Structure formats: C-alpha cells, structure tokens
C-alpha cells in the first residue's frame, strides 16, 4: 500500500503524462488488462482515460483495473485513472 506522501509524489509525477489507454463502451477485457500490465512494467506510472460512451461506474473500473494488474490506484479524477506498479526490471521511480 502507498502512503499519502507517496501518492502525492506520484500524482505530481503523473501530471504531465498523457493517457496511453482508453476504455470505451466495451469496458475492460483480458486483452486490455494484459496491455496495461505490460505498460506498467515498462513505465511504472500510467494514465488511463475512460471515454464518455462508457456507462460503467468509474470507481469500479479503476478498482478492477488496479486489482487485475496488481497495481496501486493513485488517483481517479473525472475520467482519468492514474495507476502505479513498481517495475521488476525497469525501475525508474524512487518513492519518498
């Protein structure tokens, strides 16, 4: 689990990032979860955009995505999810 200080740090780091995945009306599927896992291994910190045509609860989507990828939900603001997962091979982010 991340502390409040670590989450603040990660939010600051994620501020300039662009979302690299979009979740549309089809919702989450196994293929997307696999791609998010790969991206987290390479980048450690990513943003995901939930499109307007997705009618699912954003909190549920964020929680499911974090759980399925073994990542930490850093932030959910509107339609943007920020997820962090420490990389095994590509460690870039040093948490405070």
PDB file of N, CA and C in Angstrom:
ATOM      1  N   UNK A   1       0.842  -1.195   0.000  1.00  0.00           N
ATOM      2  CA  UNK A   1       0.000   0.000   0.000  1.00  0.00           C
ATOM      3  C   UNK A   1       0.883   1.254   0.000  1.00  0.00           C
ATOM      4  N   UNK A   2       0.396   2.256  -0.720  1.00  0.00           N
ATOM      5  CA  UNK A   2       1.119   3.526  -0.786  1.00  0.00           C
ATOM      6  C   UNK A   2       0.681   4.444   0.343  1.00  0.00           C
ATOM      7  N   UNK A   3       1.625   5.215   0.862  1.00  0.00           N
ATOM      8  CA  UNK A   3       1.289   6.209   1.883  1.00  0.00           C
ATOM      9  C   UNK A   3       0.759   7.464   1.191  1.00  0.00           C
ATOM     10  N   UNK A   4       0.198   8.369   1.967  1.00  0.00           N
ATOM     11  CA  UNK A   4      -0.307   9.625   1.422  1.00  0.00           C
ATOM     12  C   UNK A   4       0.790  10.435   0.753  1.00  0.00           C
ATOM     13  N   UNK A   5       1.958  10.437   1.365  1.00  0.00           N
ATOM     14  CA  UNK A   5       3.100  11.175   0.818  1.00  0.00           C
ATOM     15  C   UNK A   5       3.516  10.592  -0.534  1.00  0.00           C
ATOM     16  N   UNK A   6       3.537   9.273  -0.632  1.00  0.00           N
ATOM     17  CA  UNK A   6       3.913   8.613  -1.877  1.00  0.00           C
ATOM     18  C   UNK A   6       2.882   8.890  -2.972  1.00  0.00           C
ATOM     19  N   UNK A   7       1.598   8.867  -2.602  1.00  0.00           N
ATOM     20  CA  UNK A   7       0.549   9.161  -3.588  1.00  0.00           C
ATOM     21  C   UNK A   7       0.656  10.593  -4.096  1.00  0.00           C
ATOM     22  N   UNK A   8       0.940  11.538  -3.194  1.00  0.00           N
ATOM     23  CA  UNK A   8       1.118  12.930  -3.620  1.00  0.00           C
ATOM     24  C   UNK A   8       2.275  13.042  -4.608  1.00  0.00           C
ATOM     25  N   UNK A   9       3.366  12.363  -4.300  1.00  0.00           N
ATOM     26  CA  UNK A   9       4.533  12.381  -5.175  1.00  0.00           C
ATOM     27  C   UNK A   9       4.177  11.807  -6.555  1.00  0.00           C
ATOM     28  N   UNK A  10       3.464  10.686  -6.578  1.00  0.00           N
ATOM     29  CA  UNK A  10       3.094  10.047  -7.842  1.00  0.00           C
ATOM     30  C   UNK A  10       2.106  10.897  -8.637  1.00  0.00           C
ATOM     31  N   UNK A  11       1.191  11.576  -7.944  1.00  0.00           N
ATOM     32  CA  UNK A  11       0.259  12.481  -8.638  1.00  0.00           C
ATOM     33  C   UNK A  11       1.038  13.595  -9.332  1.00  0.00           C
ATOM     34  N   UNK A  12       2.043  14.119  -8.639  1.00  0.00           N
ATOM     35  CA  UNK A  12       2.882  15.169  -9.214  1.00  0.00           C
ATOM     36  C   UNK A  12       3.619  14.639 -10.445  1.00  0.00           C
ATOM     37  N   UNK A  13       4.163  13.435 -10.338  1.00  0.00           N
ATOM     38  CA  UNK A  13       4.889  12.832 -11.460  1.00  0.00           C
ATOM     39  C   UNK A  13       3.960  12.544 -12.647  1.00  0.00           C
ATOM     40  N   UNK A  14       2.707  12.188 -12.367  1.00  0.00           N
ATOM     41  CA  UNK A  14       1.764  11.820 -13.429  1.00  0.00           C
ATOM     42  C   UNK A  14       1.129  13.030 -14.103  1.00  0.00           C
ATOM     43  N   UNK A  15       1.277  14.192 -13.508  1.00  0.00           N
ATOM     44  CA  UNK A  15       0.587  15.378 -14.008  1.00  0.00           C
ATOM     45  C   UNK A  15       0.862  15.636 -15.487  1.00  0.00           C
ATOM     46  N   UNK A  16       2.105  15.488 -15.917  1.00  0.00           N
ATOM     47  CA  UNK A  16       2.471  15.796 -17.296  1.00  0.00           C
ATOM     48  C   UNK A  16       2.244  14.635 -18.263  1.00  0.00           C
ATOM     49  N   UNK A  17       1.877  13.454 -17.764  1.00  0.00           N
ATOM     50  CA  UNK A  17       1.678  12.296 -18.626  1.00  0.00           C
ATOM     51  C   UNK A  17       0.373  12.400 -19.419  1.00  0.00           C
ATOM     52  N   UNK A  18       0.393  11.832 -20.609  1.00  0.00           N
ATOM     53  CA  UNK A  18      -0.830  11.712 -21.404  1.00  0.00           C
ATOM     54  C   UNK A  18      -1.388  10.308 -21.212  1.00  0.00           C
ATOM     55  N   UNK A  19      -2.721  10.168 -21.248  1.00  0.00           N
ATOM     56  CA  UNK A  19      -3.299   8.820 -21.141  1.00  0.00           C
ATOM     57  C   UNK A  19      -2.848   7.953 -22.311  1.00  0.00           C
ATOM     58  N   UNK A  20      -2.447   6.708 -22.024  1.00  0.00           N
ATOM     59  CA  UNK A  20      -1.989   5.826 -23.094  1.00  0.00           C
ATOM     60  C   UNK A  20      -3.009   4.739 -23.420  1.00  0.00           C
ATOM     61  N   UNK A  21      -4.067   4.635 -22.625  1.00  0.00           N
ATOM     62  CA  UNK A  21      -5.148   3.696 -22.909  1.00  0.00           C
ATOM     63  C   UNK A  21      -6.482   4.407 -22.780  1.00  0.00           C
ATOM     64  N   UNK A  22      -7.464   3.918 -23.544  1.00  0.00           N
ATOM     65  CA  UNK A  22      -8.824   4.445 -23.453  1.00  0.00           C
ATOM     66  C   UNK A  22      -9.769   3.274 -23.228  1.00  0.00           C
ATOM     67  N   UNK A  23     -10.704   3.471 -22.308  1.00  0.00           N
ATOM     68  CA  UNK A  23     -11.710   2.449 -22.040  1.00  0.00           C
ATOM     69  C   UNK A  23     -13.024   2.963 -22.608  1.00  0.00           C
ATOM     70  N   UNK A  24     -13.533   2.282 -23.605  1.00  0.00           N
ATOM     71  CA  UNK A  24     -14.762   2.702 -24.275  1.00  0.00           C
ATOM     72  C   UNK A  24     -15.968   1.951 -23.765  1.00  0.00           C
ATOM     73  N   UNK A  25     -17.014   1.912 -24.599  1.00  0.00           N
ATOM     74  CA  UNK A  25     -18.264   1.287 -24.149  1.00  0.00           C
ATOM     75  C   UNK A  25     -18.134  -0.222 -23.982  1.00  0.00           C
ATOM     76  N   UNK A  26     -17.091  -0.818 -24.577  1.00  0.00           N
ATOM     77  CA  UNK A  26     -16.863  -2.246 -24.405  1.00  0.00           C
ATOM     78  C   UNK A  26     -16.349  -2.590 -23.012  1.00  0.00           C
ATOM     79  N   UNK A  27     -15.856  -1.593 -22.295  1.00  0.00           N
ATOM     80  CA  UNK A  27     -15.354  -1.809 -20.943  1.00  0.00           C
ATOM     81  C   UNK A  27     -14.005  -2.503 -20.947  1.00  0.00           C
ATOM     82  N   UNK A  28     -13.650  -3.078 -19.811  1.00  0.00           N
ATOM     83  CA  UNK A  28     -12.372  -3.779 -19.664  1.00  0.00           C
ATOM     84  C   UNK A  28     -12.473  -5.182 -20.237  1.00  0.00           C
ATOM     85  N   UNK A  29     -11.394  -5.637 -20.869  1.00  0.00           N
ATOM     86  CA  UNK A  29     -11.334  -7.026 -21.312  1.00  0.00           C
ATOM     87  C   UNK A  29      -9.930  -7.564 -21.029  1.00  0.00           C
ATOM     88  N   UNK A  30      -9.763  -8.855 -21.207  1.00  0.00           N
ATOM     89  CA  UNK A  30      -8.491  -9.502 -20.872  1.00  0.00           C
ATOM     90  C   UNK A  30      -7.329  -8.946 -21.681  1.00  0.00           C
ATOM     91  N   UNK A  31      -7.590  -8.647 -22.961  1.00  0.00           N
ATOM     92  CA  UNK A  31      -6.539  -8.117 -23.831  1.00  0.00           C
ATOM     93  C   UNK A  31      -6.040  -6.770 -23.314  1.00  0.00           C
ATOM     94  N   UNK A  32      -6.972  -5.883 -22.951  1.00  0.00           N
ATOM     95  CA  UNK A  32      -6.583  -4.565 -22.453  1.00  0.00           C
ATOM     96  C   UNK A  32      -5.816  -4.687 -21.137  1.00  0.00           C
ATOM     97  N   UNK A  33      -6.275  -5.549 -20.248  1.00  0.00           N
ATOM     98  CA  UNK A  33      -5.600  -5.732 -18.963  1.00  0.00           C
ATOM     99  C   UNK A  33      -4.170  -6.222 -19.185  1.00  0.00           C
ATOM    100  N   UNK A  34      -3.983  -7.127 -20.141  1.00  0.00           N
ATOM    101  CA  UNK A  34      -2.641  -7.604 -20.470  1.00  0.00           C
ATOM    102  C   UNK A  34      -1.755  -6.483 -20.983  1.00  0.00           C
ATOM    103  N   UNK A  35      -2.310  -5.623 -21.835  1.00  0.00           N
ATOM    104  CA  UNK A  35      -1.534  -4.499 -22.366  1.00  0.00           C
ATOM    105  C   UNK A  35      -1.186  -3.501 -21.270  1.00  0.00           C
ATOM    106  N   UNK A  36      -2.125  -3.262 -20.347  1.00  0.00           N
ATOM    107  CA  UNK A  36      -1.863  -2.341 -19.230  1.00  0.00           C
ATOM    108  C   UNK A  36      -0.767  -2.907 -18.344  1.00  0.00           C
ATOM    109  N   UNK A  37      -0.776  -4.220 -18.103  1.00  0.00           N
ATOM    110  CA  UNK A  37       0.285  -4.850 -17.300  1.00  0.00           C
ATOM    111  C   UNK A  37       1.647  -4.626 -17.939  1.00  0.00           C
ATOM    112  N   UNK A  38       1.724  -4.810 -19.267  1.00  0.00           N
ATOM    113  CA  UNK A  38       2.995  -4.609 -19.970  1.00  0.00           C
ATOM    114  C   UNK A  38       3.452  -3.156 -19.866  1.00  0.00           C
ATOM    115  N   UNK A  39       2.516  -2.231 -20.029  1.00  0.00           N
ATOM    116  CA  UNK A  39       2.854  -0.809 -19.956  1.00  0.00           C
ATOM    117  C   UNK A  39       3.335  -0.441 -18.553  1.00  0.00           C
ATOM    118  N   UNK A  40       2.693  -0.993 -17.532  1.00  0.00           N
ATOM    119  CA  UNK A  40       3.114  -0.726 -16.155  1.00  0.00           C
ATOM    120  C   UNK A  40       4.519  -1.265 -15.891  1.00  0.00           C
ATOM    121  N   UNK A  41       4.846  -2.398 -16.484  1.00  0.00           N
ATOM    122  CA  UNK A  41       6.187  -2.966 -16.298  1.00  0.00           C
ATOM    123  C   UNK A  41       7.235  -2.056 -16.936  1.00  0.00           C
ATOM    124  N   UNK A  42       6.893  -1.443 -18.061  1.00  0.00           N
ATOM    125  CA  UNK A  42       7.850  -0.581 -18.757  1.00  0.00           C
ATOM    126  C   UNK A  42       7.915   0.820 -18.163  1.00  0.00           C
ATOM    127  N   UNK A  43       6.752   1.368 -17.751  1.00  0.00           N
ATOM    128  CA  UNK A  43       6.697   2.775 -17.347  1.00  0.00           C
ATOM    129  C   UNK A  43       6.500   3.007 -15.859  1.00  0.00           C
ATOM    130  N   UNK A  44       5.913   2.059 -15.157  1.00  0.00           N
ATOM    131  CA  UNK A  44       5.598   2.122 -13.722  1.00  0.00           C
ATOM    132  C   UNK A  44       4.402   3.016 -13.403  1.00  0.00           C
ATOM    133  N   UNK A  45       4.222   4.115 -14.114  1.00  0.00           N
ATOM    134  CA  UNK A  45       3.149   5.060 -13.814  1.00  0.00           C
ATOM    135  C   UNK A  45       2.438   5.399 -15.117  1.00  0.00           C
ATOM    136  N   UNK A  46       1.123   5.130 -15.178  1.00  0.00           N
ATOM    137  CA  UNK A  46       0.382   5.405 -16.411  1.00  0.00           C
ATOM    138  C   UNK A  46      -0.956   6.073 -16.106  1.00  0.00           C
ATOM    139  N   UNK A  47      -1.491   6.703 -17.144  1.00  0.00           N
ATOM    140  CA  UNK A  47      -2.838   7.267 -17.078  1.00  0.00           C
ATOM    141  C   UNK A  47      -3.718   6.504 -18.057  1.00  0.00           C
ATOM    142  N   UNK A  48      -4.969   6.298 -17.656  1.00  0.00           N
ATOM    143  CA  UNK A  48      -5.959   5.640 -18.498  1.00  0.00           C
ATOM    144  C   UNK A  48      -7.174   6.562 -18.574  1.00  0.00           C
ATOM    145  N   UNK A  49      -7.701   6.754 -19.779  1.00  0.00           N
ATOM    146  CA  UNK A  49      -8.846   7.637 -19.985  1.00  0.00           C
ATOM    147  C   UNK A  49     -10.105   6.797 -20.174  1.00  0.00           C
ATOM    148  N   UNK A  50     -11.158   7.124 -19.442  1.00  0.00           N
ATOM    149  CA  UNK A  50     -12.449   6.465 -19.612  1.00  0.00           C
ATOM    150  C   UNK A  50     -13.286   7.358 -20.528  1.00  0.00           C
ATOM    151  N   UNK A  51     -13.689   6.815 -21.661  1.00  0.00           N
ATOM    152  CA  UNK A  51     -14.436   7.603 -22.644  1.00  0.00           C
ATOM    153  C   UNK A  51     -15.865   7.890 -22.180  1.00  0.00           C
ATOM    154  N   UNK A  52     -16.446   8.920 -22.777  1.00  0.00           N
ATOM    155  CA  UNK A  52     -17.802   9.348 -22.405  1.00  0.00           C
ATOM    156  C   UNK A  52     -18.842   8.259 -22.656  1.00  0.00           C
ATOM    157  N   UNK A  53     -18.622   7.409 -23.680  1.00  0.00           N
ATOM    158  CA  UNK A  53     -19.634   6.403 -24.012  1.00  0.00           C
ATOM    159  C   UNK A  53     -19.605   5.189 -23.090  1.00  0.00           C
ATOM    160  N   UNK A  54     -18.731   5.177 -22.101  1.00  0.00           N
ATOM    161  CA  UNK A  54     -18.698   4.089 -21.125  1.00  0.00           C
ATOM    162  C   UNK A  54     -19.640   4.441 -19.981  1.00  0.00           C
ATOM    163  N   UNK A  55     -20.639   3.591 -19.785  1.00  0.00           N
ATOM    164  CA  UNK A  55     -21.657   3.879 -18.774  1.00  0.00           C
ATOM    165  C   UNK A  55     -21.396   3.183 -17.437  1.00  0.00           C
ATOM    166  N   UNK A  56     -20.292   2.446 -17.334  1.00  0.00           N
ATOM    167  CA  UNK A  56     -19.968   1.763 -16.082  1.00  0.00           C
ATOM    168  C   UNK A  56     -19.516   2.776 -15.034  1.00  0.00           C
ATOM    169  N   UNK A  57     -19.569   2.361 -13.779  1.00  0.00           N
ATOM    170  CA  UNK A  57     -19.122   3.216 -12.682  1.00  0.00           C
ATOM    171  C   UNK A  57     -17.600   3.369 -12.742  1.00  0.00           C
ATOM    172  N   UNK A  58     -17.135   4.600 -12.786  1.00  0.00           N
ATOM    173  CA  UNK A  58     -15.709   4.866 -12.928  1.00  0.00           C
ATOM    174  C   UNK A  58     -14.902   4.329 -11.751  1.00  0.00           C
ATOM    175  N   UNK A  59     -15.465   4.390 -10.554  1.00  0.00           N
ATOM    176  CA  UNK A  59     -14.754   3.878  -9.378  1.00  0.00           C
ATOM    177  C   UNK A  59     -14.553   2.369  -9.490  1.00  0.00           C
ATOM    178  N   UNK A  60     -15.574   1.674  -9.980  1.00  0.00           N
ATOM    179  CA  UNK A  60     -15.467   0.223 -10.151  1.00  0.00           C
ATOM    180  C   UNK A  60     -14.423  -0.136 -11.202  1.00  0.00           C
ATOM    181  N   UNK A  61     -14.423   0.619 -12.307  1.00  0.00           N
ATOM    182  CA  UNK A  61     -13.448   0.369 -13.371  1.00  0.00           C
ATOM    183  C   UNK A  61     -12.037   0.562 -12.828  1.00  0.00           C
ATOM    184  N   UNK A  62     -11.813   1.663 -12.106  1.00  0.00           N
ATOM    185  CA  UNK A  62     -10.487   1.970 -11.561  1.00  0.00           C
ATOM    186  C   UNK A  62     -10.043   0.883 -10.583  1.00  0.00           C
ATOM    187  N   UNK A  63     -10.942   0.473  -9.696  1.00  0.00           N
ATOM    188  CA  UNK A  63     -10.600  -0.557  -8.707  1.00  0.00           C
ATOM    189  C   UNK A  63     -10.304  -1.894  -9.389  1.00  0.00           C
ATOM    190  N   UNK A  64     -11.118  -2.257 -10.371  1.00  0.00           N
ATOM    191  CA  UNK A  64     -10.918  -3.519 -11.088  1.00  0.00           C
ATOM    192  C   UNK A  64      -9.602  -3.510 -11.848  1.00  0.00           C
ATOM    193  N   UNK A  65      -9.316  -2.396 -12.520  1.00  0.00           N
ATOM    194  CA  UNK A  65      -8.078  -2.298 -13.287  1.00  0.00           C
ATOM    195  C   UNK A  65      -6.856  -2.408 -12.374  1.00  0.00           C
ATOM    196  N   UNK A  66      -6.894  -1.718 -11.243  1.00  0.00           N
ATOM    197  CA  UNK A  66      -5.776  -1.782 -10.299  1.00  0.00           C
ATOM    198  C   UNK A  66      -5.607  -3.207  -9.758  1.00  0.00           C
ATOM    199  N   UNK A  67      -6.724  -3.853  -9.425  1.00  0.00           N
ATOM    200  CA  UNK A  67      -6.664  -5.199  -8.863  1.00  0.00           C
ATOM    201  C   UNK A  67      -6.148  -6.213  -9.893  1.00  0.00           C
ATOM    202  N   UNK A  68      -6.680  -6.143 -11.119  1.00  0.00           N
ATOM    203  CA  UNK A  68      -6.313  -7.104 -12.159  1.00  0.00           C
ATOM    204  C   UNK A  68      -4.850  -6.973 -12.586  1.00  0.00           C
ATOM    205  N   UNK A  69      -4.290  -5.756 -12.486  1.00  0.00           N
ATOM    206  CA  UNK A  69      -2.902  -5.535 -12.905  1.00  0.00           C
ATOM    207  C   UNK A  69      -1.932  -5.605 -11.723  1.00  0.00           C
ATOM    208  N   UNK A  70      -2.441  -5.849 -10.534  1.00  0.00           N
ATOM    209  CA  UNK A  70      -1.646  -5.851  -9.299  1.00  0.00           C
ATOM    210  C   UNK A  70      -0.977  -4.506  -9.063  1.00  0.00           C
ATOM    211  N   UNK A  71      -1.613  -3.443  -9.536  1.00  0.00           N
ATOM    212  CA  UNK A  71      -1.084  -2.097  -9.370  1.00  0.00           C
ATOM    213  C   UNK A  71      -1.781  -1.371  -8.243  1.00  0.00           C
ATOM    214  N   UNK A  72      -1.324  -0.146  -7.997  1.00  0.00           N
ATOM    215  CA  UNK A  72      -1.930   0.700  -6.970  1.00  0.00           C
ATOM    216  C   UNK A  72      -2.683   1.828  -7.650  1.00  0.00           C
ATOM    217  N   UNK A  73      -3.922   2.040  -7.253  1.00  0.00           N
ATOM    218  CA  UNK A  73      -4.694   3.165  -7.760  1.00  0.00           C
ATOM    219  C   UNK A  73      -4.188   4.419  -7.054  1.00  0.00           C
ATOM    220  N   UNK A  74      -3.579   5.313  -7.819  1.00  0.00           N
ATOM    221  CA  UNK A  74      -3.031   6.536  -7.255  1.00  0.00           C
ATOM    222  C   UNK A  74      -4.107   7.607  -7.207  1.00  0.00           C
ATOM    223  N   UNK A  75      -4.889   7.709  -8.293  1.00  0.00           N
ATOM    224  CA  UNK A  75      -5.852   8.798  -8.385  1.00  0.00           C
ATOM    225  C   UNK A  75      -6.924   8.469  -9.406  1.00  0.00           C
ATOM    226  N   UNK A  76      -8.125   8.955  -9.143  1.00  0.00           N
ATOM    227  CA  UNK A  76      -9.224   8.915 -10.099  1.00  0.00           C
ATOM    228  C   UNK A  76      -9.859  10.290 -10.091  1.00  0.00           C
ATOM    229  N   UNK A  77      -9.651  11.031 -11.165  1.00  0.00           N
ATOM    230  CA  UNK A  77     -10.264  12.356 -11.275  1.00  0.00           C
ATOM    231  C   UNK A  77     -11.088  12.367 -12.545  1.00  0.00           C
ATOM    232  N   UNK A  78     -12.388  12.511 -12.389  1.00  0.00           N
ATOM    233  CA  UNK A  78     -13.270  12.534 -13.555  1.00  0.00           C
ATOM    234  C   UNK A  78     -13.145  11.256 -14.356  1.00  0.00           C
ATOM    235  N   UNK A  79     -12.622  11.396 -15.583  1.00  0.00           N
ATOM    236  CA  UNK A  79     -12.483  10.248 -16.476  1.00  0.00           C
ATOM    237  C   UNK A  79     -11.051   9.734 -16.571  1.00  0.00           C
ATOM    238  N   UNK A  80     -10.168  10.196 -15.702  1.00  0.00           N
ATOM    239  CA  UNK A  80      -8.756   9.822 -15.778  1.00  0.00           C
ATOM    240  C   UNK A  80      -8.361   8.984 -14.552  1.00  0.00           C
ATOM    241  N   UNK A  81      -7.759   7.825 -14.840  1.00  0.00           N
ATOM    242  CA  UNK A  81      -7.259   6.938 -13.793  1.00  0.00           C
ATOM    243  C   UNK A  81      -5.731   6.985 -13.834  1.00  0.00           C
ATOM    244  N   UNK A  82      -5.107   7.111 -12.671  1.00  0.00           N
ATOM    245  CA  UNK A  82      -3.645   7.038 -12.581  1.00  0.00           C
ATOM    246  C   UNK A  82      -3.305   5.794 -11.773  1.00  0.00           C
ATOM    247  N   UNK A  83      -2.479   4.922 -12.380  1.00  0.00           N
ATOM    248  CA  UNK A  83      -2.105   3.659 -11.737  1.00  0.00           C
ATOM    249  C   UNK A  83      -0.586   3.549 -11.669  1.00  0.00           C
ATOM    250  N   UNK A  84      -0.096   3.033 -10.540  1.00  0.00           N
ATOM    251  CA  UNK A  84       1.336   2.812 -10.335  1.00  0.00           C
ATOM    252  C   UNK A  84       1.578   1.351  -9.986  1.00  0.00           C
ATOM    253  N   UNK A  85       2.644   0.810 -10.552  1.00  0.00           N
ATOM    254  CA  UNK A  85       3.104  -0.519 -10.142  1.00  0.00           C
ATOM    255  C   UNK A  85       4.614  -0.537 -10.272  1.00  0.00           C
ATOM    256  N   UNK A  86       5.292  -0.895  -9.196  1.00  0.00           N
ATOM    257  CA  UNK A  86       6.746  -0.947  -9.222  1.00  0.00           C
ATOM    258  C   UNK A  86       7.199  -1.994 -10.232  1.00  0.00           C
ATOM    259  N   UNK A  87       8.121  -1.593 -11.088  1.00  0.00           N
ATOM    260  CA  UNK A  87       8.635  -2.482 -12.127  1.00  0.00           C
ATOM    261  C   UNK A  87       9.696  -3.409 -11.563  1.00  0.00           C
ATOM    262  N   UNK A  88       9.737  -4.631 -12.083  1.00  0.00           N
ATOM    263  CA  UNK A  88      10.766  -5.579 -11.664  1.00  0.00           C
ATOM    264  C   UNK A  88      12.085  -5.322 -12.370  1.00  0.00           C
ATOM    265  N   UNK A  89      12.009  -4.910 -13.652  1.00  0.00           N
ATOM    266  CA  UNK A  89      13.223  -4.779 -14.460  1.00  0.00           C
ATOM    267  C   UNK A  89      13.536  -3.338 -14.858  1.00  0.00           C
ATOM    268  N   UNK A  90      12.544  -2.465 -14.926  1.00  0.00           N
ATOM    269  CA  UNK A  90      12.744  -1.108 -15.421  1.00  0.00           C
ATOM    270  C   UNK A  90      12.472  -0.072 -14.343  1.00  0.00           C
ATOM    271  N   UNK A  91      13.089  -0.223 -13.186  1.00  0.00           N
ATOM    272  CA  UNK A  91      12.831   0.674 -12.056  1.00  0.00           C
ATOM    273  C   UNK A  91      13.300   2.079 -12.388  1.00  0.00           C
ATOM    274  N   UNK A  92      12.359   3.042 -12.395  1.00  0.00           N
ATOM    275  CA  UNK A  92      12.685   4.425 -12.706  1.00  0.00           C
ATOM    276  C   UNK A  92      12.290   5.376 -11.577  1.00  0.00           C
ATOM    277  N   UNK A  93      11.197   5.069 -10.913  1.00  0.00           N
ATOM    278  CA  UNK A  93      10.635   5.977  -9.924  1.00  0.00           C
ATOM    279  C   UNK A  93      11.103   5.580  -8.524  1.00  0.00           C
ATOM    280  N   UNK A  94      11.701   6.531  -7.816  1.00  0.00           N
ATOM    281  CA  UNK A  94      12.096   6.322  -6.417  1.00  0.00           C
ATOM    282  C   UNK A  94      11.050   6.982  -5.534  1.00  0.00           C
ATOM    283  N   UNK A  95      10.312   6.202  -4.783  1.00  0.00           N
ATOM    284  CA  UNK A  95       9.283   6.752  -3.898  1.00  0.00           C
ATOM    285  C   UNK A  95       9.926   7.369  -2.655  1.00  0.00           C
ATOM    286  N   UNK A  96       9.326   8.466  -2.170  1.00  0.00           N
ATOM    287  CA  UNK A  96       9.857   9.093  -0.940  1.00  0.00           C
ATOM    288  C   UNK A  96       9.622   8.220   0.277  1.00  0.00           C
TER     289      UNK A  96
END
